[in-house]
């Protein structure tokens, strides 16, 4: 059987590392959103780069049939 002292661990006694702090907010509240902002910046940059590469490298073969509007059930 286990002794009662083994399970009586107070979690508030654990040391805090650099990510978690005892303070509720730091001087800059935006510091907590830095990973999210970096993720959004990288995602936006990657999406823009892939779109630009597609426009620059992609094939362009317009034809008269491709330029016509699509009409369902009607021959153009």
N, C-alpha and C. Protein backbone atom coordinates (compact mmCIF):
# COMPACT_ATOMS: atom_id res chain seq x y z
N UNK A 1 0.83 -1.18 0.00
CA UNK A 1 0.00 0.00 0.00
C UNK A 1 0.87 1.25 0.00
N UNK A 2 0.29 2.33 -0.49
CA UNK A 2 1.03 3.58 -0.55
C UNK A 2 0.79 4.40 0.70
N UNK A 3 1.79 5.14 1.06
CA UNK A 3 1.61 6.02 2.22
C UNK A 3 0.91 7.30 1.78
N UNK A 4 0.25 7.94 2.69
CA UNK A 4 -0.51 9.16 2.38
C UNK A 4 0.42 10.30 1.99
N UNK A 5 1.65 10.28 2.44
CA UNK A 5 2.60 11.36 2.13
C UNK A 5 3.05 11.35 0.67
N UNK A 6 2.96 10.21 0.01
CA UNK A 6 3.39 10.09 -1.38
C UNK A 6 2.48 10.89 -2.31
N UNK A 7 1.19 10.91 -2.03
CA UNK A 7 0.24 11.59 -2.90
C UNK A 7 -0.07 13.01 -2.47
N UNK A 8 0.51 13.48 -1.40
CA UNK A 8 0.21 14.83 -0.93
C UNK A 8 1.25 15.82 -1.47
N UNK A 9 1.26 16.00 -2.76
CA UNK A 9 2.18 16.93 -3.40
C UNK A 9 1.44 18.23 -3.67
N UNK A 10 2.00 19.33 -3.21
CA UNK A 10 1.38 20.63 -3.44
C UNK A 10 1.98 21.20 -4.73
N UNK A 11 1.15 21.39 -5.74
CA UNK A 11 1.65 21.84 -7.04
C UNK A 11 2.13 23.27 -7.02
N UNK A 12 1.74 24.05 -6.04
CA UNK A 12 2.20 25.44 -5.97
C UNK A 12 3.65 25.53 -5.50
N UNK A 13 4.20 24.44 -5.00
CA UNK A 13 5.58 24.45 -4.55
C UNK A 13 6.57 24.17 -5.67
N UNK A 14 6.08 23.79 -6.85
CA UNK A 14 6.97 23.49 -7.96
C UNK A 14 7.63 24.77 -8.46
N UNK A 15 8.90 24.70 -8.88
CA UNK A 15 9.55 25.89 -9.42
C UNK A 15 8.94 26.26 -10.78
N UNK A 16 8.88 27.53 -11.06
CA UNK A 16 8.34 28.02 -12.32
C UNK A 16 9.47 28.21 -13.32
N UNK A 17 9.22 27.87 -14.57
CA UNK A 17 10.24 28.08 -15.59
C UNK A 17 10.01 29.43 -16.27
N UNK A 18 10.73 29.70 -17.36
CA UNK A 18 10.64 30.99 -18.03
C UNK A 18 9.33 31.20 -18.76
N UNK A 19 8.66 30.12 -19.15
CA UNK A 19 7.42 30.27 -19.92
C UNK A 19 6.25 30.59 -19.00
N UNK A 20 6.17 29.88 -17.89
CA UNK A 20 5.11 30.11 -16.93
C UNK A 20 5.67 30.98 -15.82
N UNK A 21 4.97 32.00 -15.46
CA UNK A 21 5.45 32.86 -14.39
C UNK A 21 4.34 33.05 -13.37
N UNK A 22 4.72 33.50 -12.19
CA UNK A 22 3.76 33.74 -11.13
C UNK A 22 2.97 35.01 -11.38
N UNK A 23 3.48 35.88 -12.25
CA UNK A 23 2.78 37.12 -12.54
C UNK A 23 1.61 36.85 -13.48
N UNK A 24 0.54 37.58 -13.29
CA UNK A 24 -0.62 37.39 -14.16
C UNK A 24 -0.36 37.92 -15.56
N UNK A 25 0.22 39.09 -15.66
CA UNK A 25 0.53 39.68 -16.97
C UNK A 25 1.92 40.31 -16.89
N UNK A 26 2.62 40.28 -17.99
CA UNK A 26 3.91 40.95 -18.06
C UNK A 26 3.68 42.39 -18.45
N UNK A 27 4.76 43.15 -18.61
CA UNK A 27 4.63 44.55 -19.00
C UNK A 27 3.94 44.68 -20.35
N UNK A 28 4.26 43.79 -21.27
CA UNK A 28 3.65 43.82 -22.59
C UNK A 28 2.70 42.63 -22.73
N UNK A 29 1.40 42.91 -22.85
CA UNK A 29 0.43 41.84 -23.02
C UNK A 29 0.56 41.17 -24.36
N UNK A 30 1.17 41.85 -25.34
CA UNK A 30 1.35 41.27 -26.67
C UNK A 30 2.39 40.15 -26.68
N UNK A 31 3.21 40.08 -25.65
CA UNK A 31 4.23 39.03 -25.59
C UNK A 31 3.58 37.65 -25.59
N UNK A 32 2.40 37.53 -25.02
CA UNK A 32 1.71 36.24 -24.99
C UNK A 32 1.22 35.85 -26.38
N UNK A 33 0.99 36.83 -27.25
CA UNK A 33 0.48 36.56 -28.59
C UNK A 33 1.58 36.46 -29.64
N UNK A 34 2.83 36.55 -29.26
CA UNK A 34 3.94 36.48 -30.21
C UNK A 34 3.94 35.19 -31.02
N UNK A 35 3.77 34.01 -30.43
CA UNK A 35 3.74 32.79 -31.25
C UNK A 35 2.61 32.78 -32.27
N UNK A 36 1.44 33.27 -31.88
CA UNK A 36 0.30 33.34 -32.81
C UNK A 36 0.59 34.31 -33.94
N UNK A 37 1.13 35.47 -33.62
CA UNK A 37 1.45 36.45 -34.66
C UNK A 37 2.52 35.94 -35.61
N UNK A 38 3.51 35.23 -35.07
CA UNK A 38 4.55 34.65 -35.93
C UNK A 38 3.95 33.59 -36.85
N UNK A 39 3.06 32.77 -36.34
CA UNK A 39 2.40 31.73 -37.14
C UNK A 39 1.60 32.37 -38.28
N UNK A 40 0.82 33.39 -37.97
CA UNK A 40 0.03 34.07 -38.99
C UNK A 40 0.92 34.75 -40.04
N UNK A 41 2.02 35.34 -39.59
CA UNK A 41 2.95 35.99 -40.52
C UNK A 41 3.58 34.97 -41.46
N UNK A 42 4.02 33.84 -40.93
CA UNK A 42 4.63 32.80 -41.76
C UNK A 42 3.60 32.20 -42.72
N UNK A 43 2.38 31.96 -42.24
CA UNK A 43 1.34 31.39 -43.11
C UNK A 43 0.98 32.35 -44.23
N UNK A 44 0.86 33.64 -43.92
CA UNK A 44 0.53 34.64 -44.95
C UNK A 44 1.66 34.77 -45.97
N UNK A 45 2.88 34.78 -45.49
CA UNK A 45 4.03 34.87 -46.39
C UNK A 45 4.11 33.65 -47.30
N UNK A 46 3.92 32.47 -46.74
CA UNK A 46 3.98 31.25 -47.54
C UNK A 46 2.86 31.22 -48.57
N UNK A 47 1.64 31.60 -48.19
CA UNK A 47 0.52 31.61 -49.13
C UNK A 47 0.78 32.61 -50.26
N UNK A 48 1.30 33.77 -49.93
CA UNK A 48 1.62 34.77 -50.95
C UNK A 48 2.73 34.30 -51.88
N UNK A 49 3.75 33.67 -51.32
CA UNK A 49 4.87 33.18 -52.13
C UNK A 49 4.41 32.07 -53.09
N UNK A 50 3.58 31.16 -52.61
CA UNK A 50 3.10 30.08 -53.47
C UNK A 50 2.18 30.61 -54.57
N UNK A 51 1.35 31.59 -54.24
CA UNK A 51 0.48 32.19 -55.25
C UNK A 51 1.30 32.94 -56.30
N UNK A 52 2.29 33.69 -55.86
CA UNK A 52 3.15 34.42 -56.80
C UNK A 52 3.93 33.46 -57.68
N UNK A 53 4.44 32.37 -57.11
CA UNK A 53 5.18 31.40 -57.90
C UNK A 53 4.26 30.74 -58.93
N UNK A 54 3.03 30.47 -58.57
CA UNK A 54 2.08 29.87 -59.50
C UNK A 54 1.78 30.82 -60.65
N UNK A 55 1.61 32.09 -60.36
CA UNK A 55 1.33 33.07 -61.41
C UNK A 55 2.54 33.23 -62.34
N UNK A 56 3.74 33.24 -61.77
CA UNK A 56 4.94 33.45 -62.57
C UNK A 56 5.32 32.23 -63.41
N UNK A 57 5.13 31.04 -62.88
CA UNK A 57 5.61 29.82 -63.54
C UNK A 57 4.50 29.11 -64.32
N UNK A 58 3.25 29.34 -63.95
CA UNK A 58 2.14 28.59 -64.53
C UNK A 58 1.95 28.83 -66.02
N UNK A 59 1.36 27.82 -66.68
CA UNK A 59 1.09 27.90 -68.10
C UNK A 59 -0.11 28.80 -68.35
N UNK A 60 -0.02 29.59 -69.42
CA UNK A 60 -1.15 30.41 -69.85
C UNK A 60 -1.41 30.08 -71.31
N UNK A 61 -2.47 29.36 -71.56
CA UNK A 61 -2.85 29.00 -72.93
C UNK A 61 -4.31 29.37 -73.16
N UNK A 62 -4.59 30.65 -73.26
CA UNK A 62 -5.98 31.03 -73.50
C UNK A 62 -6.41 30.65 -74.92
N UNK A 63 -7.66 30.29 -75.05
CA UNK A 63 -8.22 30.00 -76.36
C UNK A 63 -9.62 30.62 -76.40
N UNK A 64 -10.20 30.65 -77.57
CA UNK A 64 -11.51 31.25 -77.72
C UNK A 64 -12.56 30.48 -76.92
N UNK A 65 -12.47 29.16 -76.91
CA UNK A 65 -13.42 28.34 -76.17
C UNK A 65 -13.28 28.55 -74.66
N UNK A 66 -12.06 28.74 -74.18
CA UNK A 66 -11.84 28.95 -72.75
C UNK A 66 -12.32 30.33 -72.31
N UNK A 67 -12.34 31.29 -73.21
CA UNK A 67 -12.74 32.64 -72.86
C UNK A 67 -14.26 32.83 -72.83
N UNK A 68 -15.01 31.90 -73.41
CA UNK A 68 -16.46 32.01 -73.43
C UNK A 68 -17.04 31.73 -72.05
N UNK A 69 -18.12 32.40 -71.68
CA UNK A 69 -18.75 32.09 -70.39
C UNK A 69 -19.41 30.71 -70.44
N UNK A 70 -19.46 30.05 -69.31
CA UNK A 70 -20.04 28.72 -69.23
C UNK A 70 -21.55 28.84 -69.11
N UNK A 71 -22.26 28.19 -70.00
CA UNK A 71 -23.73 28.17 -69.97
C UNK A 71 -24.16 26.72 -69.80
N UNK A 72 -24.83 26.42 -68.75
CA UNK A 72 -25.25 25.06 -68.47
C UNK A 72 -26.34 24.62 -69.44
N UNK A 73 -26.09 23.51 -70.17
CA UNK A 73 -27.08 22.93 -71.06
C UNK A 73 -27.15 23.57 -72.43
N UNK A 74 -26.34 24.58 -72.69
CA UNK A 74 -26.40 25.26 -74.00
C UNK A 74 -25.03 25.14 -74.67
N UNK A 75 -25.03 24.91 -75.94
CA UNK A 75 -23.78 24.91 -76.69
C UNK A 75 -23.34 26.35 -76.92
N UNK A 76 -22.13 26.68 -76.63
CA UNK A 76 -21.66 28.06 -76.86
C UNK A 76 -21.49 28.36 -78.36
